[in-house]
PDB file of N, CA and C in Angstrom:
ATOM      1  N   MET A   1     143.873 163.446 -40.012  1.00  0.00           N
ATOM      2  CA  MET A   1     144.025 161.956 -39.904  1.00  0.00           C
ATOM      3  C   MET A   1     145.401 161.807 -39.816  1.00  0.00           C
ATOM      4  N   VAL A   2     145.813 160.854 -38.805  1.00  0.00           N
ATOM      5  CA  VAL A   2     147.248 160.518 -38.577  1.00  0.00           C
ATOM      6  C   VAL A   2     147.224 159.145 -39.219  1.00  0.00           C
ATOM      7  N   ILE A   3     148.449 158.791 -40.066  1.00  0.00           N
ATOM      8  CA  ILE A   3     148.667 157.553 -40.537  1.00  0.00           C
ATOM      9  C   ILE A   3     149.870 156.713 -39.812  1.00  0.00           C
ATOM     10  N   GLU A   4     149.624 155.671 -39.382  1.00  0.00           N
ATOM     11  CA  GLU A   4     150.667 155.113 -38.540  1.00  0.00           C
ATOM     12  C   GLU A   4     151.579 154.089 -39.677  1.00  0.00           C
ATOM     13  N   GLY A   5     152.776 154.318 -39.240  1.00  0.00           N
ATOM     14  CA  GLY A   5     153.864 153.456 -40.142  1.00  0.00           C
ATOM     15  C   GLY A   5     155.029 153.121 -39.140  1.00  0.00           C
ATOM     16  N   ASN A   6     155.805 152.525 -39.903  1.00  0.00           N
ATOM     17  CA  ASN A   6     157.162 152.051 -39.172  1.00  0.00           C
ATOM     18  C   ASN A   6     158.341 152.627 -39.735  1.00  0.00           C
ATOM     19  N   SER A   7     158.887 153.664 -39.087  1.00  0.00           N
ATOM     20  CA  SER A   7     160.290 154.338 -39.756  1.00  0.00           C
ATOM     21  C   SER A   7     161.078 154.846 -38.714  1.00  0.00           C
ATOM     22  N   ASP A   8     162.247 154.845 -38.924  1.00  0.00           N
ATOM     23  CA  ASP A   8     163.178 155.310 -38.103  1.00  0.00           C
ATOM     24  C   ASP A   8     163.595 156.837 -38.367  1.00  0.00           C
ATOM     25  N   ILE A   9     162.866 157.346 -39.470  1.00  0.00           N
ATOM     26  CA  ILE A   9     163.126 158.667 -39.812  1.00  0.00           C
ATOM     27  C   ILE A   9     161.649 159.560 -39.640  1.00  0.00           C
ATOM     28  N   ILE A  10     160.632 159.158 -39.913  1.00  0.00           N
ATOM     29  CA  ILE A  10     159.324 159.720 -39.620  1.00  0.00           C
ATOM     30  C   ILE A  10     158.679 159.100 -38.402  1.00  0.00           C
ATOM     31  N   VAL A  11     158.347 160.047 -37.414  1.00  0.00           N
ATOM     32  CA  VAL A  11     157.518 159.657 -36.429  1.00  0.00           C
ATOM     33  C   VAL A  11     156.119 160.120 -36.261  1.00  0.00           C
ATOM     34  N   ARG A  12     155.716 161.060 -37.454  1.00  0.00           N
ATOM     35  CA  ARG A  12     154.334 161.276 -37.599  1.00  0.00           C
ATOM     36  C   ARG A  12     153.789 161.703 -38.858  1.00  0.00           C
ATOM     37  N   CYS A  13     152.611 161.253 -39.377  1.00  0.00           N
ATOM     38  CA  CYS A  13     152.274 161.476 -40.767  1.00  0.00           C
ATOM     39  C   CYS A  13     150.783 162.101 -40.460  1.00  0.00           C
ATOM     40  N   GLU A  14     150.541 163.266 -40.909  1.00  0.00           N
ATOM     41  CA  GLU A  14     149.267 163.858 -40.516  1.00  0.00           C
ATOM     42  C   GLU A  14     148.567 164.581 -41.871  1.00  0.00           C
ATOM     43  N   PHE A  15     147.309 164.330 -42.175  1.00  0.00           N
ATOM     44  CA  PHE A  15     146.740 164.728 -43.444  1.00  0.00           C
ATOM     45  C   PHE A  15     145.719 165.830 -43.037  1.00  0.00           C
ATOM     46  N   PHE A  16     145.729 166.861 -43.594  1.00  0.00           N
ATOM     47  CA  PHE A  16     144.738 168.119 -43.363  1.00  0.00           C
ATOM     48  C   PHE A  16     143.909 168.625 -44.565  1.00  0.00           C
ATOM     49  N   ASN A  17     142.653 167.960 -44.610  1.00  0.00           N
ATOM     50  CA  ASN A  17     141.859 168.435 -45.702  1.00  0.00           C
ATOM     51  C   ASN A  17     140.800 169.256 -45.290  1.00  0.00           C
ATOM     52  N   GLU A  18     140.559 169.491 -44.216  1.00  0.00           N
ATOM     53  CA  GLU A  18     139.187 170.427 -43.798  1.00  0.00           C
ATOM     54  C   GLU A  18     139.938 171.635 -43.326  1.00  0.00           C
ATOM     55  N   ASN A  19     138.724 172.788 -43.817  1.00  0.00           N
ATOM     56  CA  ASN A  19     139.169 174.080 -43.477  1.00  0.00           C
ATOM     57  C   ASN A  19     140.573 174.554 -43.924  1.00  0.00           C
ATOM     58  N   THR A  20     140.938 174.035 -45.140  1.00  0.00           N
ATOM     59  CA  THR A  20     142.246 174.432 -45.650  1.00  0.00           C
ATOM     60  C   THR A  20     142.011 174.726 -47.189  1.00  0.00           C
ATOM     61  N   ALA A  21     142.833 175.705 -47.736  1.00  0.00           N
ATOM     62  CA  ALA A  21     142.514 175.921 -49.241  1.00  0.00           C
ATOM     63  C   ALA A  21     143.156 174.761 -49.943  1.00  0.00           C
ATOM     64  N   GLN A  22     144.136 174.242 -49.756  1.00  0.00           N
ATOM     65  CA  GLN A  22     144.585 173.120 -50.497  1.00  0.00           C
ATOM     66  C   GLN A  22     144.934 171.969 -49.190  1.00  0.00           C
ATOM     67  N   PRO A  23     144.718 170.753 -49.503  1.00  0.00           N
ATOM     68  CA  PRO A  23     144.976 169.493 -48.897  1.00  0.00           C
ATOM     69  C   PRO A  23     146.408 169.507 -48.543  1.00  0.00           C
ATOM     70  N   ALA A  24     146.954 169.020 -47.285  1.00  0.00           N
ATOM     71  CA  ALA A  24     148.386 169.011 -47.059  1.00  0.00           C
ATOM     72  C   ALA A  24     148.679 167.673 -46.149  1.00  0.00           C
ATOM     73  N   GLN A  25     149.817 167.234 -46.441  1.00  0.00           N
ATOM     74  CA  GLN A  25     150.144 166.140 -45.555  1.00  0.00           C
ATOM     75  C   GLN A  25     151.469 166.693 -45.032  1.00  0.00           C
ATOM     76  N   TRP A  26     151.646 166.346 -43.628  1.00  0.00           N
ATOM     77  CA  TRP A  26     152.771 166.886 -42.827  1.00  0.00           C
ATOM     78  C   TRP A  26     153.550 165.454 -42.367  1.00  0.00           C
ATOM     79  N   LEU A  27     154.712 165.284 -42.620  1.00  0.00           N
ATOM     80  CA  LEU A  27     155.605 164.221 -42.163  1.00  0.00           C
ATOM     81  C   LEU A  27     156.701 164.827 -41.126  1.00  0.00           C
ATOM     82  N   THR A  28     156.355 164.413 -39.947  1.00  0.00           N
ATOM     83  CA  THR A  28     157.389 165.073 -38.900  1.00  0.00           C
ATOM     84  C   THR A  28     158.648 163.928 -38.798  1.00  0.00           C
ATOM     85  N   PHE A  29     159.807 164.392 -38.997  1.00  0.00           N
ATOM     86  CA  PHE A  29     160.923 163.587 -38.825  1.00  0.00           C
ATOM     87  C   PHE A  29     161.380 163.565 -37.259  1.00  0.00           C
ATOM     88  N   ARG A  30     162.197 162.329 -37.009  1.00  0.00           N
ATOM     89  CA  ARG A  30     162.623 162.228 -35.720  1.00  0.00           C
ATOM     90  C   ARG A  30     163.344 163.507 -35.141  1.00  0.00           C
ATOM     91  N   ASN A  31     164.114 164.104 -36.114  1.00  0.00           N
ATOM     92  CA  ASN A  31     164.752 165.288 -35.614  1.00  0.00           C
ATOM     93  C   ASN A  31     164.121 166.602 -35.557  1.00  0.00           C
ATOM     94  N   GLY A  32     162.740 166.333 -35.872  1.00  0.00           N
ATOM     95  CA  GLY A  32     161.733 167.600 -35.610  1.00  0.00           C
ATOM     96  C   GLY A  32     161.616 168.474 -37.084  1.00  0.00           C
ATOM     97  N   PHE A  33     162.223 168.122 -37.999  1.00  0.00           N
ATOM     98  CA  PHE A  33     162.002 168.585 -39.282  1.00  0.00           C
ATOM     99  C   PHE A  33     160.556 168.216 -39.545  1.00  0.00           C
ATOM    100  N   VAL A  34     159.971 169.081 -40.687  1.00  0.00           N
ATOM    101  CA  VAL A  34     158.555 168.450 -40.969  1.00  0.00           C
ATOM    102  C   VAL A  34     158.598 168.791 -42.630  1.00  0.00           C
ATOM    103  N   LEU A  35     158.099 167.874 -43.325  1.00  0.00           N
ATOM    104  CA  LEU A  35     158.104 167.792 -44.806  1.00  0.00           C
ATOM    105  C   LEU A  35     156.500 167.962 -45.101  1.00  0.00           C
ATOM    106  N   VAL A  36     156.147 169.186 -45.753  1.00  0.00           N
ATOM    107  CA  VAL A  36     154.949 169.526 -46.013  1.00  0.00           C
ATOM    108  C   VAL A  36     154.807 168.973 -47.520  1.00  0.00           C
ATOM    109  N   ILE A  37     153.634 168.298 -47.751  1.00  0.00           N
ATOM    110  CA  ILE A  37     153.517 167.776 -49.242  1.00  0.00           C
ATOM    111  C   ILE A  37     151.907 168.400 -49.450  1.00  0.00           C
ATOM    112  N   GLN A  38     152.011 168.980 -50.661  1.00  0.00           N
ATOM    113  CA  GLN A  38     150.693 169.605 -51.337  1.00  0.00           C
ATOM    114  C   GLN A  38     150.787 169.158 -52.873  1.00  0.00           C
ATOM    115  N   SER A  39     149.747 169.002 -53.334  1.00  0.00           N
ATOM    116  CA  SER A  39     149.627 168.735 -54.798  1.00  0.00           C
ATOM    117  C   SER A  39     150.603 169.314 -55.690  1.00  0.00           C
ATOM    118  N   THR A  40     151.108 170.537 -55.347  1.00  0.00           N
ATOM    119  CA  THR A  40     151.869 171.151 -56.475  1.00  0.00           C
ATOM    120  C   THR A  40     153.386 171.651 -55.913  1.00  0.00           C
ATOM    121  N   PHE A  41     153.559 171.208 -54.621  1.00  0.00           N
ATOM    122  CA  PHE A  41     154.912 171.444 -54.160  1.00  0.00           C
ATOM    123  C   PHE A  41     155.296 170.575 -52.952  1.00  0.00           C
ATOM    124  N   MET A  42     156.457 170.624 -52.485  1.00  0.00           N
ATOM    125  CA  MET A  42     156.973 169.944 -51.269  1.00  0.00           C
ATOM    126  C   MET A  42     158.027 171.051 -50.498  1.00  0.00           C
ATOM    127  N   ALA A  43     157.955 171.226 -49.260  1.00  0.00           N
ATOM    128  CA  ALA A  43     158.589 171.921 -48.577  1.00  0.00           C
ATOM    129  C   ALA A  43     159.073 171.496 -47.282  1.00  0.00           C
ATOM    130  N   LEU A  44     160.380 171.691 -46.681  1.00  0.00           N
ATOM    131  CA  LEU A  44     160.672 171.157 -45.693  1.00  0.00           C
ATOM    132  C   LEU A  44     160.917 172.387 -44.502  1.00  0.00           C
ATOM    133  N   TYR A  45     160.409 172.239 -43.341  1.00  0.00           N
ATOM    134  CA  TYR A  45     160.823 173.295 -42.465  1.00  0.00           C
ATOM    135  C   TYR A  45     161.459 172.625 -41.062  1.00  0.00           C
ATOM    136  N   LYS A  46     162.084 173.582 -40.399  1.00  0.00           N
ATOM    137  CA  LYS A  46     162.784 173.038 -39.279  1.00  0.00           C
ATOM    138  C   LYS A  46     161.970 172.494 -38.327  1.00  0.00           C
ATOM    139  N   ASN A  47     160.904 173.056 -38.120  1.00  0.00           N
ATOM    140  CA  ASN A  47     160.008 172.519 -37.113  1.00  0.00           C
ATOM    141  C   ASN A  47     158.407 172.761 -37.390  1.00  0.00           C
ATOM    142  N   ILE A  48     157.391 172.418 -36.525  1.00  0.00           N
ATOM    143  CA  ILE A  48     156.058 172.587 -36.851  1.00  0.00           C
ATOM    144  C   ILE A  48     155.642 174.100 -36.834  1.00  0.00           C
ATOM    145  N   GLU A  49     156.282 174.747 -35.716  1.00  0.00           N
ATOM    146  CA  GLU A  49     155.967 176.166 -35.535  1.00  0.00           C
ATOM    147  C   GLU A  49     156.324 176.997 -36.725  1.00  0.00           C
ATOM    148  N   SER A  50     157.457 176.535 -37.483  1.00  0.00           N
ATOM    149  CA  SER A  50     157.875 177.279 -38.595  1.00  0.00           C
ATOM    150  C   SER A  50     157.038 177.252 -39.888  1.00  0.00           C
ATOM    151  N   ILE A  51     156.025 176.377 -39.845  1.00  0.00           N
ATOM    152  CA  ILE A  51     155.199 176.208 -40.973  1.00  0.00           C
ATOM    153  C   ILE A  51     154.184 177.519 -41.174  1.00  0.00           C
ATOM    154  N   ASN A  52     153.735 178.167 -40.217  1.00  0.00           N
ATOM    155  CA  ASN A  52     152.889 179.160 -40.309  1.00  0.00           C
ATOM    156  C   ASN A  52     153.707 180.521 -39.973  1.00  0.00           C
ATOM    157  N   ASP A  53     154.852 180.590 -40.073  1.00  0.00           N
ATOM    158  CA  ASP A  53     155.640 181.737 -39.753  1.00  0.00           C
ATOM    159  C   ASP A  53     155.477 182.742 -41.158  1.00  0.00           C
ATOM    160  N   PRO A  54     154.891 183.893 -40.840  1.00  0.00           N
ATOM    161  CA  PRO A  54     154.426 184.699 -42.106  1.00  0.00           C
ATOM    162  C   PRO A  54     156.077 185.174 -42.727  1.00  0.00           C
ATOM    163  N   LEU A  55     157.102 185.456 -42.048  1.00  0.00           N
ATOM    164  CA  LEU A  55     158.369 185.611 -42.742  1.00  0.00           C
ATOM    165  C   LEU A  55     159.322 184.448 -43.240  1.00  0.00           C
ATOM    166  N   GLY A  56     158.599 183.312 -43.094  1.00  0.00           N
ATOM    167  CA  GLY A  56     159.315 182.052 -43.717  1.00  0.00           C
ATOM    168  C   GLY A  56     160.560 181.718 -42.921  1.00  0.00           C
ATOM    169  N   ASN A  57     160.496 181.827 -41.665  1.00  0.00           N
ATOM    170  CA  ASN A  57     161.669 181.517 -40.902  1.00  0.00           C
ATOM    171  C   ASN A  57     161.555 180.192 -40.465  1.00  0.00           C
ATOM    172  N   GLY A  58     162.659 179.405 -40.595  1.00  0.00           N
ATOM    173  CA  GLY A  58     162.601 178.117 -40.438  1.00  0.00           C
ATOM    174  C   GLY A  58     162.297 177.158 -41.716  1.00  0.00           C
ATOM    175  N   LEU A  59     161.930 177.882 -42.852  1.00  0.00           N
ATOM    176  CA  LEU A  59     161.857 177.100 -44.211  1.00  0.00           C
ATOM    177  C   LEU A  59     163.333 176.732 -44.694  1.00  0.00           C
ATOM    178  N   LYS A  60     163.491 175.620 -44.556  1.00  0.00           N
ATOM    179  CA  LYS A  60     164.784 175.117 -45.089  1.00  0.00           C
ATOM    180  C   LYS A  60     164.806 174.714 -46.478  1.00  0.00           C
ATOM    181  N   ALA A  61     163.863 174.270 -47.218  1.00  0.00           N
ATOM    182  CA  ALA A  61     164.028 174.122 -48.823  1.00  0.00           C
ATOM    183  C   ALA A  61     162.635 173.967 -49.256  1.00  0.00           C
ATOM    184  N   MET A  62     162.275 174.388 -50.436  1.00  0.00           N
ATOM    185  CA  MET A  62     161.056 174.174 -51.106  1.00  0.00           C
ATOM    186  C   MET A  62     161.341 174.004 -52.601  1.00  0.00           C
ATOM    187  N   VAL A  63     160.358 173.213 -53.142  1.00  0.00           N
ATOM    188  CA  VAL A  63     160.272 173.052 -54.697  1.00  0.00           C
ATOM    189  C   VAL A  63     158.933 172.820 -55.285  1.00  0.00           C
ATOM    190  N   ASP A  64     158.604 173.495 -56.098  1.00  0.00           N
ATOM    191  CA  ASP A  64     157.516 173.344 -57.113  1.00  0.00           C
ATOM    192  C   ASP A  64     157.527 171.985 -57.950  1.00  0.00           C
ATOM    193  N   LEU A  65     156.319 171.408 -57.806  1.00  0.00           N
ATOM    194  CA  LEU A  65     156.466 170.266 -58.859  1.00  0.00           C
ATOM    195  C   LEU A  65     155.906 170.637 -60.367  1.00  0.00           C
ATOM    196  N   PRO A  66     156.541 170.125 -61.325  1.00  0.00           N
ATOM    197  CA  PRO A  66     156.111 170.477 -62.688  1.00  0.00           C
ATOM    198  C   PRO A  66     154.594 170.100 -62.850  1.00  0.00           C
ATOM    199  N   SER A  67     153.929 171.091 -63.705  1.00  0.00           N
ATOM    200  CA  SER A  67     152.364 170.902 -63.640  1.00  0.00           C
ATOM    201  C   SER A  67     152.033 169.306 -64.131  1.00  0.00           C
ATOM    202  N   GLU A  68     152.939 168.890 -64.860  1.00  0.00           N
ATOM    203  CA  GLU A  68     152.569 167.478 -65.366  1.00  0.00           C
ATOM    204  C   GLU A  68     152.821 166.256 -64.286  1.00  0.00           C
ATOM    205  N   GLN A  69     153.500 166.742 -63.249  1.00  0.00           N
ATOM    206  CA  GLN A  69     153.753 165.917 -62.182  1.00  0.00           C
ATOM    207  C   GLN A  69     152.835 166.197 -60.797  1.00  0.00           C
ATOM    208  N   VAL A  70     151.858 166.771 -60.751  1.00  0.00           N
ATOM    209  CA  VAL A  70     151.110 167.079 -59.640  1.00  0.00           C
ATOM    210  C   VAL A  70     150.813 165.927 -58.971  1.00  0.00           C
ATOM    211  N   LEU A  71     150.831 165.908 -57.744  1.00  0.00           N
ATOM    212  CA  LEU A  71     150.317 164.754 -56.846  1.00  0.00           C
ATOM    213  C   LEU A  71     148.840 164.561 -56.563  1.00  0.00           C
ATOM    214  N   ALA A  72     148.444 163.356 -56.738  1.00  0.00           N
ATOM    215  CA  ALA A  72     147.087 162.842 -56.268  1.00  0.00           C
ATOM    216  C   ALA A  72     146.906 162.541 -54.807  1.00  0.00           C
ATOM    217  N   PHE A  73     145.680 162.611 -54.372  1.00  0.00           N
ATOM    218  CA  PHE A  73     145.551 162.095 -53.081  1.00  0.00           C
ATOM    219  C   PHE A  73     144.284 161.711 -52.897  1.00  0.00           C
ATOM    220  N   SER A  74     143.867 160.984 -51.747  1.00  0.00           N
ATOM    221  CA  SER A  74     142.847 160.320 -51.430  1.00  0.00           C
ATOM    222  C   SER A  74     142.074 160.800 -50.102  1.00  0.00           C
ATOM    223  N   GLU A  75     141.274 160.129 -49.624  1.00  0.00           N
ATOM    224  CA  GLU A  75     140.587 160.482 -48.346  1.00  0.00           C
ATOM    225  C   GLU A  75     141.621 160.352 -47.316  1.00  0.00           C
ATOM    226  N   GLN A  76     142.624 159.795 -47.344  1.00  0.00           N
ATOM    227  CA  GLN A  76     143.755 159.471 -46.233  1.00  0.00           C
ATOM    228  C   GLN A  76     144.811 160.362 -46.446  1.00  0.00           C
ATOM    229  N   GLY A  77     145.091 160.977 -47.619  1.00  0.00           N
ATOM    230  CA  GLY A  77     146.046 161.927 -47.852  1.00  0.00           C
ATOM    231  C   GLY A  77     146.826 161.434 -49.165  1.00  0.00           C
ATOM    232  N   PHE A  78     147.921 162.170 -49.295  1.00  0.00           N
ATOM    233  CA  PHE A  78     148.928 161.712 -50.417  1.00  0.00           C
ATOM    234  C   PHE A  78     149.760 160.560 -50.071  1.00  0.00           C
ATOM    235  N   VAL A  79     149.934 160.341 -48.770  1.00  0.00           N
ATOM    236  CA  VAL A  79     151.035 159.047 -48.508  1.00  0.00           C
ATOM    237  C   VAL A  79     150.181 157.833 -48.319  1.00  0.00           C
ATOM    238  N   THR A  80     150.737 156.624 -48.866  1.00  0.00           N
ATOM    239  CA  THR A  80     150.125 155.461 -48.684  1.00  0.00           C
ATOM    240  C   THR A  80     150.668 154.574 -47.691  1.00  0.00           C
ATOM    241  N   GLU A  81     152.180 154.787 -47.550  1.00  0.00           N
ATOM    242  CA  GLU A  81     153.110 153.950 -46.740  1.00  0.00           C
ATOM    243  C   GLU A  81     154.306 154.725 -46.606  1.00  0.00           C
ATOM    244  N   PHE A  82     154.885 154.232 -45.390  1.00  0.00           N
ATOM    245  CA  PHE A  82     156.106 154.903 -45.236  1.00  0.00           C
ATOM    246  C   PHE A  82     156.987 153.822 -44.413  1.00  0.00           C
ATOM    247  N   SER A  83     158.370 153.911 -44.592  1.00  0.00           N
ATOM    248  CA  SER A  83     159.209 152.837 -43.891  1.00  0.00           C
ATOM    249  C   SER A  83     160.678 153.371 -44.167  1.00  0.00           C
ATOM    250  N   ALA A  84     161.416 153.506 -43.168  1.00  0.00           N
ATOM    251  CA  ALA A  84     162.932 153.981 -43.264  1.00  0.00           C
ATOM    252  C   ALA A  84     162.909 155.513 -43.881  1.00  0.00           C
ATOM    253  N   GLY A  85     163.557 155.445 -45.001  1.00  0.00           N
ATOM    254  CA  GLY A  85     163.419 156.699 -45.856  1.00  0.00           C
ATOM    255  C   GLY A  85     162.783 156.597 -47.062  1.00  0.00           C
ATOM    256  N   PHE A  86     161.862 155.668 -47.221  1.00  0.00           N
ATOM    257  CA  PHE A  86     160.840 155.388 -48.266  1.00  0.00           C
ATOM    258  C   PHE A  86     159.419 155.923 -47.909  1.00  0.00           C
ATOM    259  N   VAL A  87     158.827 156.708 -48.958  1.00  0.00           N
ATOM    260  CA  VAL A  87     157.374 157.212 -48.628  1.00  0.00           C
ATOM    261  C   VAL A  87     156.540 156.833 -50.046  1.00  0.00           C
ATOM    262  N   GLY A  88     155.782 155.852 -50.042  1.00  0.00           N
ATOM    263  CA  GLY A  88     155.055 155.672 -50.963  1.00  0.00           C
ATOM    264  C   GLY A  88     153.831 156.795 -51.228  1.00  0.00           C
ATOM    265  N   LEU A  89     153.614 156.972 -52.307  1.00  0.00           N
ATOM    266  CA  LEU A  89     152.395 158.286 -52.412  1.00  0.00           C
ATOM    267  C   LEU A  89     151.100 157.462 -53.485  1.00  0.00           C
ATOM    268  N   VAL A  90     150.088 158.120 -53.385  1.00  0.00           N
ATOM    269  CA  VAL A  90     148.938 157.665 -54.245  1.00  0.00           C
ATOM    270  C   VAL A  90     149.321 158.102 -55.528  1.00  0.00           C
ATOM    271  N   GLY A  91     149.003 157.059 -56.491  1.00  0.00           N
ATOM    272  CA  GLY A  91     149.169 157.306 -57.881  1.00  0.00           C
ATOM    273  C   GLY A  91     150.605 156.722 -58.141  1.00  0.00           C
ATOM    274  N   GLU A  92     151.415 155.820 -57.263  1.00  0.00           N
ATOM    275  CA  GLU A  92     152.509 155.166 -57.576  1.00  0.00           C
ATOM    276  C   GLU A  92     154.042 155.918 -57.118  1.00  0.00           C
ATOM    277  N   LYS A  93     153.692 157.328 -57.153  1.00  0.00           N
ATOM    278  CA  LYS A  93     154.857 158.093 -57.019  1.00  0.00           C
ATOM    279  C   LYS A  93     155.662 157.680 -55.612  1.00  0.00           C
ATOM    280  N   ALA A  94     156.795 158.123 -55.509  1.00  0.00           N
ATOM    281  CA  ALA A  94     157.546 157.831 -54.349  1.00  0.00           C
ATOM    282  C   ALA A  94     158.569 158.888 -53.820  1.00  0.00           C
ATOM    283  N   ILE A  95     158.726 158.876 -52.515  1.00  0.00           N
ATOM    284  CA  ILE A  95     159.915 159.972 -52.152  1.00  0.00           C
ATOM    285  C   ILE A  95     160.827 159.114 -51.498  1.00  0.00           C
ATOM    286  N   LEU A  96     162.051 159.496 -51.686  1.00  0.00           N
ATOM    287  CA  LEU A  96     163.257 158.779 -51.027  1.00  0.00           C
ATOM    288  C   LEU A  96     163.812 159.867 -50.134  1.00  0.00           C
ATOM    289  N   ILE A  97     164.075 159.556 -48.996  1.00  0.00           N
ATOM    290  CA  ILE A  97     164.849 160.550 -47.793  1.00  0.00           C
ATOM    291  C   ILE A  97     166.156 160.010 -47.587  1.00  0.00           C
ATOM    292  N   THR A  98     167.073 160.797 -47.948  1.00  0.00           N
ATOM    293  CA  THR A  98     168.562 160.268 -47.801  1.00  0.00           C
ATOM    294  C   THR A  98     169.078 161.428 -46.761  1.00  0.00           C
ATOM    295  N   PRO A  99     170.342 161.162 -46.360  1.00  0.00           N
ATOM    296  CA  PRO A  99     171.035 162.375 -45.575  1.00  0.00           C
ATOM    297  C   PRO A  99     170.983 163.548 -46.032  1.00  0.00           C
ATOM    298  N   ASN A 100     171.221 163.626 -47.462  1.00  0.00           N
ATOM    299  CA  ASN A 100     171.489 164.917 -48.041  1.00  0.00           C
ATOM    300  C   ASN A 100     170.448 165.590 -48.985  1.00  0.00           C
ATOM    301  N   ASP A 101     169.448 164.546 -49.353  1.00  0.00           N
ATOM    302  CA  ASP A 101     168.359 165.025 -50.142  1.00  0.00           C
ATOM    303  C   ASP A 101     166.910 164.310 -49.694  1.00  0.00           C
ATOM    304  N   ILE A 102     165.968 165.061 -50.308  1.00  0.00           N
ATOM    305  CA  ILE A 102     164.540 164.329 -50.332  1.00  0.00           C
ATOM    306  C   ILE A 102     164.209 164.406 -51.799  1.00  0.00           C
ATOM    307  N   GLN A 103     163.986 163.368 -52.403  1.00  0.00           N
ATOM    308  CA  GLN A 103     163.748 163.245 -53.826  1.00  0.00           C
ATOM    309  C   GLN A 103     162.394 162.699 -54.131  1.00  0.00           C
ATOM    310  N   LEU A 104     161.733 162.991 -55.162  1.00  0.00           N
ATOM    311  CA  LEU A 104     160.377 162.539 -55.707  1.00  0.00           C
ATOM    312  C   LEU A 104     160.671 161.784 -56.991  1.00  0.00           C
ATOM    313  N   PHE A 105     160.017 160.577 -57.086  1.00  0.00           N
ATOM    314  CA  PHE A 105     160.302 159.723 -58.303  1.00  0.00           C
ATOM    315  C   PHE A 105     158.805 159.474 -58.801  1.00  0.00           C
ATOM    316  N   PRO A 106     158.845 158.976 -60.049  1.00  0.00           N
ATOM    317  CA  PRO A 106     157.630 158.435 -60.559  1.00  0.00           C
ATOM    318  C   PRO A 106     156.871 157.179 -60.119  1.00  0.00           C
ATOM    319  N   ASN A 107     157.888 156.450 -59.577  1.00  0.00           N
ATOM    320  CA  ASN A 107     157.432 155.037 -58.728  1.00  0.00           C
ATOM    321  C   ASN A 107     158.509 154.437 -58.114  1.00  0.00           C
ATOM    322  N   LYS A 108     158.080 153.463 -57.301  1.00  0.00           N
ATOM    323  CA  LYS A 108     158.897 152.763 -56.271  1.00  0.00           C
ATOM    324  C   LYS A 108     160.335 152.091 -56.821  1.00  0.00           C
ATOM    325  N   LEU A 109     160.277 151.717 -58.186  1.00  0.00           N
ATOM    326  CA  LEU A 109     161.425 151.060 -58.890  1.00  0.00           C
ATOM    327  C   LEU A 109     162.380 152.216 -59.247  1.00  0.00           C
ATOM    328  N   ASP A 110     161.737 153.373 -59.771  1.00  0.00           N
ATOM    329  CA  ASP A 110     162.800 154.431 -60.010  1.00  0.00           C
ATOM    330  C   ASP A 110     163.564 154.760 -58.709  1.00  0.00           C
ATOM    331  N   ALA A 111     162.717 154.897 -57.716  1.00  0.00           N
ATOM    332  CA  ALA A 111     163.151 155.417 -56.420  1.00  0.00           C
ATOM    333  C   ALA A 111     164.409 154.420 -55.936  1.00  0.00           C
ATOM    334  N   LEU A 112     164.019 153.316 -56.127  1.00  0.00           N
ATOM    335  CA  LEU A 112     165.103 152.129 -55.694  1.00  0.00           C
ATOM    336  C   LEU A 112     166.301 152.235 -56.381  1.00  0.00           C
ATOM    337  N   HIS A 113     166.270 152.419 -57.832  1.00  0.00           N
ATOM    338  CA  HIS A 113     167.501 152.600 -58.794  1.00  0.00           C
ATOM    339  C   HIS A 113     167.964 154.083 -58.661  1.00  0.00           C
ATOM    340  N   ASN A 114     167.205 155.107 -58.169  1.00  0.00           N
ATOM    341  CA  ASN A 114     167.710 156.366 -58.306  1.00  0.00           C
ATOM    342  C   ASN A 114     167.728 157.019 -59.605  1.00  0.00           C
ATOM    343  N   ARG A 115     166.607 156.714 -60.296  1.00  0.00           N
ATOM    344  CA  ARG A 115     166.679 157.221 -61.742  1.00  0.00           C
ATOM    345  C   ARG A 115     165.338 158.066 -61.963  1.00  0.00           C
ATOM    346  N   ASN A 116     165.504 158.793 -62.966  1.00  0.00           N
ATOM    347  CA  ASN A 116     164.132 159.492 -63.450  1.00  0.00           C
ATOM    348  C   ASN A 116     163.451 160.362 -62.382  1.00  0.00           C
ATOM    349  N   GLU A 117     164.285 161.084 -61.586  1.00  0.00           N
ATOM    350  CA  GLU A 117     164.018 161.863 -60.500  1.00  0.00           C
ATOM    351  C   GLU A 117     163.001 162.953 -61.103  1.00  0.00           C
ATOM    352  N   ILE A 118     162.044 163.420 -60.460  1.00  0.00           N
ATOM    353  CA  ILE A 118     161.195 164.374 -60.753  1.00  0.00           C
ATOM    354  C   ILE A 118     161.543 165.665 -60.018  1.00  0.00           C
ATOM    355  N   VAL A 119     161.819 165.926 -58.752  1.00  0.00           N
ATOM    356  CA  VAL A 119     162.412 167.021 -58.067  1.00  0.00           C
ATOM    357  C   VAL A 119     163.186 166.527 -56.871  1.00  0.00           C
ATOM    358  N   ARG A 120     163.918 167.495 -56.253  1.00  0.00           N
ATOM    359  CA  ARG A 120     165.045 167.142 -55.456  1.00  0.00           C
ATOM    360  C   ARG A 120     164.903 168.425 -54.376  1.00  0.00           C
ATOM    361  N   LEU A 121     164.697 168.312 -53.021  1.00  0.00           N
ATOM    362  CA  LEU A 121     165.020 169.316 -51.821  1.00  0.00           C
ATOM    363  C   LEU A 121     166.472 168.877 -51.572  1.00  0.00           C
ATOM    364  N   GLN A 122     167.427 169.622 -51.330  1.00  0.00           N
ATOM    365  CA  GLN A 122     168.670 169.554 -51.006  1.00  0.00           C
ATOM    366  C   GLN A 122     168.715 170.025 -49.362  1.00  0.00           C
ATOM    367  N   LEU A 123     169.302 169.025 -48.671  1.00  0.00           N
ATOM    368  CA  LEU A 123     169.040 169.444 -47.325  1.00  0.00           C
ATOM    369  C   LEU A 123     170.323 169.811 -46.496  1.00  0.00           C
ATOM    370  N   ASN A 124     171.414 170.470 -47.333  1.00  0.00           N
ATOM    371  CA  ASN A 124     172.481 170.752 -46.901  1.00  0.00           C
ATOM    372  C   ASN A 124     172.765 172.512 -47.416  1.00  0.00           C
TER     373      ASN A 124
END
């Protein structure tokens, strides 16, 4: 399923739940990078082709989520909304995309104030 949104960073948001071991959401950025979100981790790839590379070529960054912070999802996926560098998730968690980092926060307010970060993917 593809979610429509308004973003100058994210151009496509797809949820995969059928014929997969674990549900996954792919957020394709304007520059071609793809952020893959699953319930227990987030990974950033240089492009879509890199996701299935058995040697991991193209994997730019990956982070496991703490067991107490796993992500919830619905029939539509993990993502509920996205705009500019903000991504709202099921269960109130939020992702903030900046030029240097992709950060996961417990909620929108913490993302707005850049506090109580759960995990971070460094982009440089």
